[in-house]
Amino acid sequence: MCEEFALPYVMVLTKIDKSSKGHLVKQVLQIQKFVATK
């Protein structure tokens, strides 16, 4: 919906204290790649 309506938006990652640092880094890199390419 945000993309279709050309809205400026931000992704906020919640619950970052629920994961290990390694898992969190992996998720951040995956989501960052998604944002950059999709």
Full PDB file with SEQRES, HELIX, SHEET, SSBOND, CRYST1, ORIGX, SCALE, CONECT and MASTER records, all heavy atoms in Angstrom:
SEQRES   1 A   38  MET CYS GLU GLU PHE ALA LEU PRO TYR VAL MET VAL LEU          
SEQRES   2 A   38  THR LYS ILE ASP LYS SER SER LYS GLY HIS LEU VAL LYS          
SEQRES   3 A   38  GLN VAL LEU GLN ILE GLN LYS PHE VAL ALA THR LYS              
HELIX    1 AA1 ILE A   16  LYS A   18  5                                   3    
HELIX    2 AA2 LYS A   21  THR A   37  1                                  17    
CRYST1    1.000    1.000    1.000  90.00  90.00  90.00 P 1           1          
ORIGX1      1.000000  0.000000  0.000000        0.00000                         
ORIGX2      0.000000  1.000000  0.000000        0.00000                         
ORIGX3      0.000000  0.000000  1.000000        0.00000                         
SCALE1      1.000000  0.000000  0.000000        0.00000                         
SCALE2      0.000000  1.000000  0.000000        0.00000                         
SCALE3      0.000000  0.000000  1.000000        0.00000                         
ATOM      1  N   MET A   1       0.834  -1.205   0.000  1.00  0.00           N  
ATOM      2  CA  MET A   1       0.000   0.000   0.000  1.00  0.00           C  
ATOM      3  C   MET A   1       0.867   1.254   0.000  1.00  0.00           C  
ATOM      4  O   MET A   1       0.604   2.205  -0.732  1.00  0.00           O  
ATOM      5  CB  MET A   1      -0.955  -0.010   1.198  1.00  0.00           C  
ATOM      6  CG  MET A   1      -2.131  -0.947   1.038  1.00  0.00           C  
ATOM      7  SD  MET A   1      -3.470  -0.698   2.258  1.00  0.00           S  
ATOM      8  CE  MET A   1      -2.712  -1.377   3.729  1.00  0.00           C  
ATOM      9  N   CYS A   2       1.908   1.265   0.830  1.00  0.00           N  
ATOM     10  CA  CYS A   2       2.801   2.424   0.872  1.00  0.00           C  
ATOM     11  C   CYS A   2       3.471   2.646  -0.481  1.00  0.00           C  
ATOM     12  O   CYS A   2       3.612   3.782  -0.946  1.00  0.00           O  
ATOM     13  CB  CYS A   2       3.863   2.238   1.955  1.00  0.00           C  
ATOM     14  SG  CYS A   2       3.237   2.347   3.645  1.00  0.00           S  
ATOM     15  N   GLU A   3       3.885   1.572  -1.122  1.00  0.00           N  
ATOM     16  CA  GLU A   3       4.541   1.688  -2.422  1.00  0.00           C  
ATOM     17  C   GLU A   3       3.550   2.126  -3.494  1.00  0.00           C  
ATOM     18  O   GLU A   3       3.852   2.989  -4.335  1.00  0.00           O  
ATOM     19  CB  GLU A   3       5.174   0.344  -2.803  1.00  0.00           C  
ATOM     20  CG  GLU A   3       6.360  -0.053  -1.953  1.00  0.00           C  
ATOM     21  CD  GLU A   3       7.583   0.808  -2.205  1.00  0.00           C  
ATOM     22  OE1 GLU A   3       7.771   1.264  -3.347  1.00  0.00           O  
ATOM     23  OE2 GLU A   3       8.357   1.038  -1.246  1.00  0.00           O  
ATOM     24  N   GLU A   4       2.361   1.550  -3.481  1.00  0.00           N  
ATOM     25  CA  GLU A   4       1.357   1.878  -4.501  1.00  0.00           C  
ATOM     26  C   GLU A   4       0.961   3.348  -4.442  1.00  0.00           C  
ATOM     27  O   GLU A   4       0.780   3.999  -5.477  1.00  0.00           O  
ATOM     28  CB  GLU A   4       0.115   1.000  -4.307  1.00  0.00           C  
ATOM     29  CG  GLU A   4      -0.993   1.283  -5.322  1.00  0.00           C  
ATOM     30  CD  GLU A   4      -2.235   0.448  -5.089  1.00  0.00           C  
ATOM     31  OE1 GLU A   4      -2.203  -0.456  -4.212  1.00  0.00           O  
ATOM     32  OE2 GLU A   4      -3.258   0.697  -5.763  1.00  0.00           O  
ATOM     33  N   PHE A   5       0.859   3.895  -3.231  1.00  0.00           N  
ATOM     34  CA  PHE A   5       0.427   5.282  -3.078  1.00  0.00           C  
ATOM     35  C   PHE A   5       1.607   6.246  -2.997  1.00  0.00           C  
ATOM     36  O   PHE A   5       1.423   7.427  -2.708  1.00  0.00           O  
ATOM     37  CB  PHE A   5      -0.451   5.422  -1.832  1.00  0.00           C  
ATOM     38  CG  PHE A   5      -1.645   4.502  -1.831  1.00  0.00           C  
ATOM     39  CD1 PHE A   5      -2.053   3.871  -0.663  1.00  0.00           C  
ATOM     40  CD2 PHE A   5      -2.350   4.249  -3.003  1.00  0.00           C  
ATOM     41  CE1 PHE A   5      -3.142   3.009  -0.654  1.00  0.00           C  
ATOM     42  CE2 PHE A   5      -3.442   3.391  -3.007  1.00  0.00           C  
ATOM     43  CZ  PHE A   5      -3.835   2.765  -1.834  1.00  0.00           C  
ATOM     44  N   ALA A   6       2.808   5.730  -3.253  1.00  0.00           N  
ATOM     45  CA  ALA A   6       4.038   6.552  -3.261  1.00  0.00           C  
ATOM     46  C   ALA A   6       4.199   7.336  -1.962  1.00  0.00           C  
ATOM     47  O   ALA A   6       4.508   8.534  -1.965  1.00  0.00           O  
ATOM     48  CB  ALA A   6       4.024   7.500  -4.460  1.00  0.00           C  
ATOM     49  N   LEU A   7       4.006   6.647  -0.835  1.00  0.00           N  
ATOM     50  CA  LEU A   7       4.116   7.287   0.474  1.00  0.00           C  
ATOM     51  C   LEU A   7       5.537   7.155   1.015  1.00  0.00           C  
ATOM     52  O   LEU A   7       6.151   6.096   0.899  1.00  0.00           O  
ATOM     53  CB  LEU A   7       3.149   6.632   1.465  1.00  0.00           C  
ATOM     54  CG  LEU A   7       1.663   6.711   1.140  1.00  0.00           C  
ATOM     55  CD1 LEU A   7       0.872   5.903   2.167  1.00  0.00           C  
ATOM     56  CD2 LEU A   7       1.184   8.140   1.113  1.00  0.00           C  
ATOM     57  N   PRO A   8       6.061   8.193   1.613  1.00  0.00           N  
ATOM     58  CA  PRO A   8       7.341   8.051   2.323  1.00  0.00           C  
ATOM     59  C   PRO A   8       7.105   7.301   3.631  1.00  0.00           C  
ATOM     60  O   PRO A   8       6.239   7.660   4.420  1.00  0.00           O  
ATOM     61  CB  PRO A   8       7.765   9.502   2.572  1.00  0.00           C  
ATOM     62  CG  PRO A   8       6.499  10.282   2.569  1.00  0.00           C  
ATOM     63  CD  PRO A   8       5.549   9.581   1.646  1.00  0.00           C  
ATOM     64  N   TYR A   9       7.875   6.237   3.854  1.00  0.00           N  
ATOM     65  CA  TYR A   9       7.687   5.460   5.075  1.00  0.00           C  
ATOM     66  C   TYR A   9       9.021   4.974   5.612  1.00  0.00           C  
ATOM     67  O   TYR A   9      10.047   4.999   4.927  1.00  0.00           O  
ATOM     68  CB  TYR A   9       6.717   4.299   4.860  1.00  0.00           C  
ATOM     69  CG  TYR A   9       7.148   3.225   3.881  1.00  0.00           C  
ATOM     70  CD1 TYR A   9       7.566   1.976   4.322  1.00  0.00           C  
ATOM     71  CD2 TYR A   9       7.094   3.442   2.506  1.00  0.00           C  
ATOM     72  CE1 TYR A   9       7.942   0.980   3.437  1.00  0.00           C  
ATOM     73  CE2 TYR A   9       7.452   2.456   1.605  1.00  0.00           C  
ATOM     74  CZ  TYR A   9       7.882   1.220   2.075  1.00  0.00           C  
ATOM     75  OH  TYR A   9       8.246   0.231   1.181  1.00  0.00           O  
ATOM     76  N   VAL A  10       8.985   4.543   6.859  1.00  0.00           N  
ATOM     77  CA  VAL A  10      10.167   4.112   7.599  1.00  0.00           C  
ATOM     78  C   VAL A  10       9.863   2.759   8.229  1.00  0.00           C  
ATOM     79  O   VAL A  10       8.756   2.535   8.713  1.00  0.00           O  
ATOM     80  CB  VAL A  10      10.510   5.121   8.722  1.00  0.00           C  
ATOM     81  CG1 VAL A  10      11.733   4.669   9.506  1.00  0.00           C  
ATOM     82  CG2 VAL A  10      10.718   6.506   8.168  1.00  0.00           C  
ATOM     83  N   MET A  11      10.846   1.859   8.223  1.00  0.00           N  
ATOM     84  CA  MET A  11      10.675   0.588   8.926  1.00  0.00           C  
ATOM     85  C   MET A  11      11.301   0.682  10.308  1.00  0.00           C  
ATOM     86  O   MET A  11      12.485   1.004  10.444  1.00  0.00           O  
ATOM     87  CB  MET A  11      11.292  -0.567   8.140  1.00  0.00           C  
ATOM     88  CG  MET A  11      10.463  -1.000   6.952  1.00  0.00           C  
ATOM     89  SD  MET A  11      10.921  -2.643   6.361  1.00  0.00           S  
ATOM     90  CE  MET A  11       9.981  -2.666   4.819  1.00  0.00           C  
ATOM     91  N   VAL A  12      10.485   0.408  11.316  1.00  0.00           N  
ATOM     92  CA  VAL A  12      10.917   0.407  12.705  1.00  0.00           C  
ATOM     93  C   VAL A  12      10.977  -1.053  13.172  1.00  0.00           C  
ATOM     94  O   VAL A  12       9.981  -1.770  13.074  1.00  0.00           O  
ATOM     95  CB  VAL A  12       9.944   1.204  13.598  1.00  0.00           C  
ATOM     96  CG1 VAL A  12      10.382   1.142  15.053  1.00  0.00           C  
ATOM     97  CG2 VAL A  12       9.839   2.646  13.115  1.00  0.00           C  
ATOM     98  N   LEU A  13      12.122  -1.499  13.635  1.00  0.00           N  
ATOM     99  CA  LEU A  13      12.292  -2.880  14.070  1.00  0.00           C  
ATOM    100  C   LEU A  13      12.066  -2.968  15.578  1.00  0.00           C  
ATOM    101  O   LEU A  13      12.807  -2.372  16.362  1.00  0.00           O  
ATOM    102  CB  LEU A  13      13.692  -3.388  13.723  1.00  0.00           C  
ATOM    103  CG  LEU A  13      14.119  -3.246  12.255  1.00  0.00           C  
ATOM    104  CD1 LEU A  13      15.467  -3.923  12.038  1.00  0.00           C  
ATOM    105  CD2 LEU A  13      13.072  -3.822  11.316  1.00  0.00           C  
ATOM    106  N   THR A  14      11.045  -3.687  15.977  1.00  0.00           N  
ATOM    107  CA  THR A  14      10.703  -3.814  17.390  1.00  0.00           C  
ATOM    108  C   THR A  14      11.312  -5.093  17.981  1.00  0.00           C  
ATOM    109  O   THR A  14      11.810  -5.961  17.263  1.00  0.00           O  
ATOM    110  CB  THR A  14       9.181  -3.849  17.580  1.00  0.00           C  
ATOM    111  OG1 THR A  14       8.647  -5.022  16.929  1.00  0.00           O  
ATOM    112  CG2 THR A  14       8.534  -2.609  16.981  1.00  0.00           C  
ATOM    113  N   LYS A  15      11.264  -5.183  19.302  1.00  0.00           N  
ATOM    114  CA  LYS A  15      11.681  -6.377  20.052  1.00  0.00           C  
ATOM    115  C   LYS A  15      13.136  -6.755  19.808  1.00  0.00           C  
ATOM    116  O   LYS A  15      13.481  -7.942  19.781  1.00  0.00           O  
ATOM    117  CB  LYS A  15      10.756  -7.554  19.715  1.00  0.00           C  
ATOM    118  CG  LYS A  15       9.276  -7.273  19.921  1.00  0.00           C  
ATOM    119  CD  LYS A  15       8.419  -8.477  19.604  1.00  0.00           C  
ATOM    120  CE  LYS A  15       6.942  -8.164  19.750  1.00  0.00           C  
ATOM    121  NZ  LYS A  15       6.075  -9.329  19.447  1.00  0.00           N  
ATOM    122  N   ILE A  16      14.003  -5.761  19.657  1.00  0.00           N  
ATOM    123  CA  ILE A  16      15.396  -6.092  19.358  1.00  0.00           C  
ATOM    124  C   ILE A  16      16.120  -6.696  20.559  1.00  0.00           C  
ATOM    125  O   ILE A  16      17.202  -7.257  20.412  1.00  0.00           O  
ATOM    126  CB  ILE A  16      16.173  -4.860  18.836  1.00  0.00           C  
ATOM    127  CG1 ILE A  16      16.331  -3.804  19.944  1.00  0.00           C  
ATOM    128  CG2 ILE A  16      15.510  -4.278  17.618  1.00  0.00           C  
ATOM    129  CD1 ILE A  16      17.268  -2.677  19.541  1.00  0.00           C  
ATOM    130  N   ASP A  17      15.497  -6.592  21.735  1.00  0.00           N  
ATOM    131  CA  ASP A  17      16.097  -7.200  22.919  1.00  0.00           C  
ATOM    132  C   ASP A  17      15.690  -8.661  23.078  1.00  0.00           C  
ATOM    133  O   ASP A  17      16.102  -9.326  24.026  1.00  0.00           O  
ATOM    134  CB  ASP A  17      15.706  -6.416  24.174  1.00  0.00           C  
ATOM    135  CG  ASP A  17      14.206  -6.221  24.300  1.00  0.00           C  
ATOM    136  OD1 ASP A  17      13.525  -6.200  23.252  1.00  0.00           O  
ATOM    137  OD2 ASP A  17      13.709  -6.099  25.427  1.00  0.00           O  
ATOM    138  N   LYS A  18      14.914  -9.185  22.135  1.00  0.00           N  
ATOM    139  CA  LYS A  18      14.442 -10.566  22.214  1.00  0.00           C  
ATOM    140  C   LYS A  18      15.320 -11.531  21.424  1.00  0.00           C  
ATOM    141  O   LYS A  18      15.048 -12.737  21.399  1.00  0.00           O  
ATOM    142  CB  LYS A  18      12.994 -10.666  21.693  1.00  0.00           C  
ATOM    143  CG  LYS A  18      11.993  -9.770  22.393  1.00  0.00           C  
ATOM    144  CD  LYS A  18      11.846 -10.117  23.866  1.00  0.00           C  
ATOM    145  CE  LYS A  18      10.768  -9.245  24.524  1.00  0.00           C  
ATOM    146  NZ  LYS A  18      10.644  -9.535  25.966  1.00  0.00           N  
ATOM    147  N   SER A  19      16.337 -11.019  20.740  1.00  0.00           N  
ATOM    148  CA  SER A  19      17.197 -11.858  19.914  1.00  0.00           C  
ATOM    149  C   SER A  19      18.650 -11.708  20.339  1.00  0.00           C  
ATOM    150  O   SER A  19      19.034 -10.710  20.949  1.00  0.00           O  
ATOM    151  CB  SER A  19      17.074 -11.473  18.434  1.00  0.00           C  
ATOM    152  OG  SER A  19      15.771 -11.641  17.961  1.00  0.00           O  
ATOM    153  N   SER A  20      19.450 -12.707  19.961  1.00  0.00           N  
ATOM    154  CA  SER A  20      20.886 -12.575  20.152  1.00  0.00           C  
ATOM    155  C   SER A  20      21.411 -11.533  19.174  1.00  0.00           C  
ATOM    156  O   SER A  20      20.761 -11.210  18.165  1.00  0.00           O  
ATOM    157  CB  SER A  20      21.578 -13.917  19.883  1.00  0.00           C  
ATOM    158  OG  SER A  20      21.458 -14.273  18.508  1.00  0.00           O  
ATOM    159  N   LYS A  21      22.584 -10.977  19.454  1.00  0.00           N  
ATOM    160  CA  LYS A  21      23.165  -9.974  18.571  1.00  0.00           C  
ATOM    161  C   LYS A  21      23.380 -10.551  17.171  1.00  0.00           C  
ATOM    162  O   LYS A  21      23.132  -9.889  16.165  1.00  0.00           O  
ATOM    163  CB  LYS A  21      24.500  -9.476  19.144  1.00  0.00           C  
ATOM    164  CG  LYS A  21      24.357  -8.520  20.322  1.00  0.00           C  
ATOM    165  CD  LYS A  21      23.729  -7.205  19.901  1.00  0.00           C  
ATOM    166  CE  LYS A  21      23.909  -6.119  20.953  1.00  0.00           C  
ATOM    167  NZ  LYS A  21      23.322  -6.437  22.235  1.00  0.00           N  
ATOM    168  N   GLY A  22      23.830 -11.816  17.090  1.00  0.00           N  
ATOM    169  CA  GLY A  22      24.068 -12.431  15.793  1.00  0.00           C  
ATOM    170  C   GLY A  22      22.806 -12.547  14.969  1.00  0.00           C  
ATOM    171  O   GLY A  22      22.793 -12.240  13.768  1.00  0.00           O  
ATOM    172  N   HIS A  23      21.717 -13.007  15.597  1.00  0.00           N  
ATOM    173  CA  HIS A  23      20.447 -13.141  14.884  1.00  0.00           C  
ATOM    174  C   HIS A  23      19.925 -11.779  14.462  1.00  0.00           C  
ATOM    175  O   HIS A  23      19.413 -11.616  13.342  1.00  0.00           O  
ATOM    176  CB  HIS A  23      19.421 -13.841  15.773  1.00  0.00           C  
ATOM    177  CG  HIS A  23      18.071 -13.994  15.153  1.00  0.00           C  
ATOM    178  ND1 HIS A  23      17.793 -14.917  14.164  1.00  0.00           N  
ATOM    179  CD2 HIS A  23      16.899 -13.319  15.366  1.00  0.00           C  
ATOM    180  CE1 HIS A  23      16.528 -14.817  13.790  1.00  0.00           C  
ATOM    181  NE2 HIS A  23      15.959 -13.861  14.513  1.00  0.00           N  
ATOM    182  N   LEU A  24      20.062 -10.792  15.336  1.00  0.00           N  
ATOM    183  CA  LEU A  24      19.573  -9.453  15.023  1.00  0.00           C  
ATOM    184  C   LEU A  24      20.337  -8.841  13.852  1.00  0.00           C  
ATOM    185  O   LEU A  24      19.737  -8.231  12.954  1.00  0.00           O  
ATOM    186  CB  LEU A  24      19.669  -8.554  16.255  1.00  0.00           C  
ATOM    187  CG  LEU A  24      19.126  -7.134  16.111  1.00  0.00           C  
ATOM    188  CD1 LEU A  24      17.664  -7.152  15.691  1.00  0.00           C  
ATOM    189  CD2 LEU A  24      19.295  -6.361  17.415  1.00  0.00           C  
ATOM    190  N   VAL A  25      21.660  -8.994  13.846  1.00  0.00           N  
ATOM    191  CA  VAL A  25      22.455  -8.473  12.734  1.00  0.00           C  
ATOM    192  C   VAL A  25      22.003  -9.118  11.429  1.00  0.00           C  
ATOM    193  O   VAL A  25      21.850  -8.442  10.391  1.00  0.00           O  
ATOM    194  CB  VAL A  25      23.961  -8.728  12.966  1.00  0.00           C  
ATOM    195  CG1 VAL A  25      24.757  -8.479  11.687  1.00  0.00           C  
ATOM    196  CG2 VAL A  25      24.486  -7.829  14.078  1.00  0.00           C  
ATOM    197  N   LYS A  26      21.776 -10.430  11.439  1.00  0.00           N  
ATOM    198  CA  LYS A  26      21.320 -11.141  10.240  1.00  0.00           C  
ATOM    199  C   LYS A  26      19.988 -10.592   9.748  1.00  0.00           C  
ATOM    200  O   LYS A  26      19.803 -10.343   8.549  1.00  0.00           O  
ATOM    201  CB  LYS A  26      21.197 -12.634  10.552  1.00  0.00           C  
ATOM    202  CG  LYS A  26      20.749 -13.475   9.365  1.00  0.00           C  
ATOM    203  CD  LYS A  26      20.638 -14.942   9.758  1.00  0.00           C  
ATOM    204  CE  LYS A  26      20.127 -15.782   8.581  1.00  0.00           C  
ATOM    205  NZ  LYS A  26      20.005 -17.226   8.955  1.00  0.00           N  
ATOM    206  N   GLN A  27      19.048 -10.369  10.676  1.00  0.00           N  
ATOM    207  CA  GLN A  27      17.740  -9.848  10.300  1.00  0.00           C  
ATOM    208  C   GLN A  27      17.849  -8.428   9.743  1.00  0.00           C  
ATOM    209  O   GLN A  27      17.215  -8.089   8.739  1.00  0.00           O  
ATOM    210  CB  GLN A  27      16.797  -9.855  11.516  1.00  0.00           C  
ATOM    211  CG  GLN A  27      16.355 -11.228  11.963  1.00  0.00           C  
ATOM    212  CD  GLN A  27      15.286 -11.818  11.052  1.00  0.00           C  
ATOM    213  OE1 GLN A  27      15.230 -11.545   9.864  1.00  0.00           O  
ATOM    214  NE2 GLN A  27      14.424 -12.639  11.618  1.00  0.00           N  
ATOM    215  N   VAL A  28      18.658  -7.595  10.398  1.00  0.00           N  
ATOM    216  CA  VAL A  28      18.815  -6.214   9.950  1.00  0.00           C  
ATOM    217  C   VAL A  28      19.380  -6.179   8.532  1.00  0.00           C  
ATOM    218  O   VAL A  28      18.914  -5.423   7.673  1.00  0.00           O  
ATOM    219  CB  VAL A  28      19.707  -5.417  10.916  1.00  0.00           C  
ATOM    220  CG1 VAL A  28      20.104  -4.075  10.302  1.00  0.00           C  
ATOM    221  CG2 VAL A  28      18.980  -5.182  12.239  1.00  0.00           C  
ATOM    222  N   LEU A  29      20.379  -7.002   8.255  1.00  0.00           N  
ATOM    223  CA  LEU A  29      20.983  -7.024   6.919  1.00  0.00           C  
ATOM    224  C   LEU A  29      19.988  -7.517   5.877  1.00  0.00           C  
ATOM    225  O   LEU A  29      19.930  -6.996   4.751  1.00  0.00           O  
ATOM    226  CB  LEU A  29      22.230  -7.906   6.923  1.00  0.00           C  
ATOM    227  CG  LEU A  29      23.443  -7.347   7.675  1.00  0.00           C  
ATOM    228  CD1 LEU A  29      24.559  -8.370   7.729  1.00  0.00           C  
ATOM    229  CD2 LEU A  29      23.940  -6.054   7.029  1.00  0.00           C  
ATOM    230  N   GLN A  30      19.180  -8.522   6.228  1.00  0.00           N  
ATOM    231  CA  GLN A  30      18.181  -9.036   5.290  1.00  0.00           C  
ATOM    232  C   GLN A  30      17.115  -7.984   4.993  1.00  0.00           C  
ATOM    233  O   GLN A  30      16.736  -7.780   3.831  1.00  0.00           O  
ATOM    234  CB  GLN A  30      17.533 -10.302   5.855  1.00  0.00           C  
ATOM    235  CG  GLN A  30      18.430 -11.529   5.842  1.00  0.00           C  
ATOM    236  CD  GLN A  30      17.749 -12.755   6.432  1.00  0.00           C  
ATOM    237  OE1 GLN A  30      16.696 -12.648   7.079  1.00  0.00           O  
ATOM    238  NE2 GLN A  30      18.334 -13.925   6.219  1.00  0.00           N  
ATOM    239  N   ILE A  31      16.632  -7.312   6.042  1.00  0.00           N  
ATOM    240  CA  ILE A  31      15.590  -6.290   5.845  1.00  0.00           C  
ATOM    241  C   ILE A  31      16.160  -5.089   5.108  1.00  0.00           C  
ATOM    242  O   ILE A  31      15.510  -4.502   4.243  1.00  0.00           O  
ATOM    243  CB  ILE A  31      14.977  -5.884   7.196  1.00  0.00           C  
ATOM    244  CG1 ILE A  31      14.294  -7.097   7.849  1.00  0.00           C  
ATOM    245  CG2 ILE A  31      13.983  -4.741   7.022  1.00  0.00           C  
ATOM    246  CD1 ILE A  31      13.823  -6.857   9.268  1.00  0.00           C  
ATOM    247  N   GLN A  32      17.401  -4.726   5.433  1.00  0.00           N  
ATOM    248  CA  GLN A  32      18.054  -3.614   4.736  1.00  0.00           C  
ATOM    249  C   GLN A  32      18.188  -3.920   3.246  1.00  0.00           C  
ATOM    250  O   GLN A  32      17.967  -3.039   2.408  1.00  0.00           O  
ATOM    251  CB  GLN A  32      19.426  -3.382   5.367  1.00  0.00           C  
ATOM    252  CG  GLN A  32      20.190  -2.194   4.802  1.00  0.00           C  
ATOM    253  CD  GLN A  32      21.493  -1.968   5.542  1.00  0.00           C  
ATOM    254  OE1 GLN A  32      21.504  -1.297   6.571  1.00  0.00           O  
ATOM    255  NE2 GLN A  32      22.580  -2.522   5.054  1.00  0.00           N  
ATOM    256  N   LYS A  33      18.521  -5.161   2.910  1.00  0.00           N  
ATOM    257  CA  LYS A  33      18.618  -5.562   1.503  1.00  0.00           C  
ATOM    258  C   LYS A  33      17.249  -5.509   0.829  1.00  0.00           C  
ATOM    259  O   LYS A  33      17.120  -5.064  -0.319  1.00  0.00           O  
ATOM    260  CB  LYS A  33      19.195  -6.971   1.393  1.00  0.00           C  
ATOM    261  CG  LYS A  33      19.372  -7.455  -0.039  1.00  0.00           C  
ATOM    262  CD  LYS A  33      20.003  -8.849  -0.087  1.00  0.00           C  
ATOM    263  CE  LYS A  33      20.160  -9.323  -1.531  1.00  0.00           C  
ATOM    264  NZ  LYS A  33      20.770 -10.684  -1.587  1.00  0.00           N  
ATOM    265  N   PHE A  34      16.221  -5.960   1.558  1.00  0.00           N  
ATOM    266  CA  PHE A  34      14.858  -5.900   1.025  1.00  0.00           C  
ATOM    267  C   PHE A  34      14.469  -4.462   0.707  1.00  0.00           C  
ATOM    268  O   PHE A  34      13.918  -4.164  -0.359  1.00  0.00           O  
ATOM    269  CB  PHE A  34      13.876  -6.503   2.037  1.00  0.00           C  
ATOM    270  CG  PHE A  34      12.431  -6.400   1.634  1.00  0.00           C  
ATOM    271  CD1 PHE A  34      11.824  -7.411   0.922  1.00  0.00           C  
ATOM    272  CD2 PHE A  34      11.664  -5.278   1.977  1.00  0.00           C  
ATOM    273  CE1 PHE A  34      10.490  -7.320   0.546  1.00  0.00           C  
ATOM    274  CE2 PHE A  34      10.336  -5.175   1.609  1.00  0.00           C  
ATOM    275  CZ  PHE A  34       9.742  -6.205   0.881  1.00  0.00           C  
ATOM    276  N   VAL A  35      14.753  -3.555   1.637  1.00  0.00           N  
ATOM    277  CA  VAL A  35      14.433  -2.139   1.433  1.00  0.00           C  
ATOM    278  C   VAL A  35      15.153  -1.588   0.204  1.00  0.00           C  
ATOM    279  O   VAL A  35      14.579  -0.860  -0.608  1.00  0.00           O  
ATOM    280  CB  VAL A  35      14.789  -1.318   2.688  1.00  0.00           C  
ATOM    281  CG1 VAL A  35      14.706   0.182   2.406  1.00  0.00           C  
ATOM    282  CG2 VAL A  35      13.861  -1.678   3.849  1.00  0.00           C  
ATOM    283  N   ALA A  36      16.422  -1.954   0.053  1.00  0.00           N  
ATOM    284  CA  ALA A  36      17.230  -1.421  -1.046  1.00  0.00           C  
ATOM    285  C   ALA A  36      16.801  -1.958  -2.405  1.00  0.00           C  
ATOM    286  O   ALA A  36      16.887  -1.245  -3.412  1.00  0.00           O  
ATOM    287  CB  ALA A  36      18.704  -1.737  -0.804  1.00  0.00           C  
ATOM    288  N   THR A  37      16.318  -3.193  -2.445  1.00  0.00           N  
ATOM    289  CA  THR A  37      16.037  -3.831  -3.739  1.00  0.00           C  
ATOM    290  C   THR A  37      14.553  -3.944  -4.080  1.00  0.00           C  
ATOM    291  O   THR A  37      14.203  -4.085  -5.253  1.00  0.00           O  
ATOM    292  CB  THR A  37      16.655  -5.241  -3.770  1.00  0.00           C  
ATOM    293  OG1 THR A  37      16.099  -6.038  -2.705  1.00  0.00           O  
ATOM    294  CG2 THR A  37      18.168  -5.173  -3.619  1.00  0.00           C  
ATOM    295  N   LYS A  38      13.680  -3.885  -3.064  1.00  0.00           N  
ATOM    296  CA  LYS A  38      12.266  -4.141  -3.307  1.00  0.00           C  
ATOM    297  C   LYS A  38      11.361  -2.933  -3.058  1.00  0.00           C  
ATOM    298  O   LYS A  38      10.157  -3.020  -3.277  1.00  0.00           O  
ATOM    299  CB  LYS A  38      11.781  -5.298  -2.417  1.00  0.00           C  
ATOM    300  CG  LYS A  38      12.558  -6.597  -2.577  1.00  0.00           C  
ATOM    301  CD  LYS A  38      12.344  -7.232  -3.931  1.00  0.00           C  
ATOM    302  CE  LYS A  38      13.030  -8.610  -4.004  1.00  0.00           C  
ATOM    303  NZ  LYS A  38      12.862  -9.237  -5.330  1.00  0.00           N  
TER     304      LYS A  38                                                      
MASTER        0    0    0    2    0    0    0    6  303    1    0    3          
END                                                                             
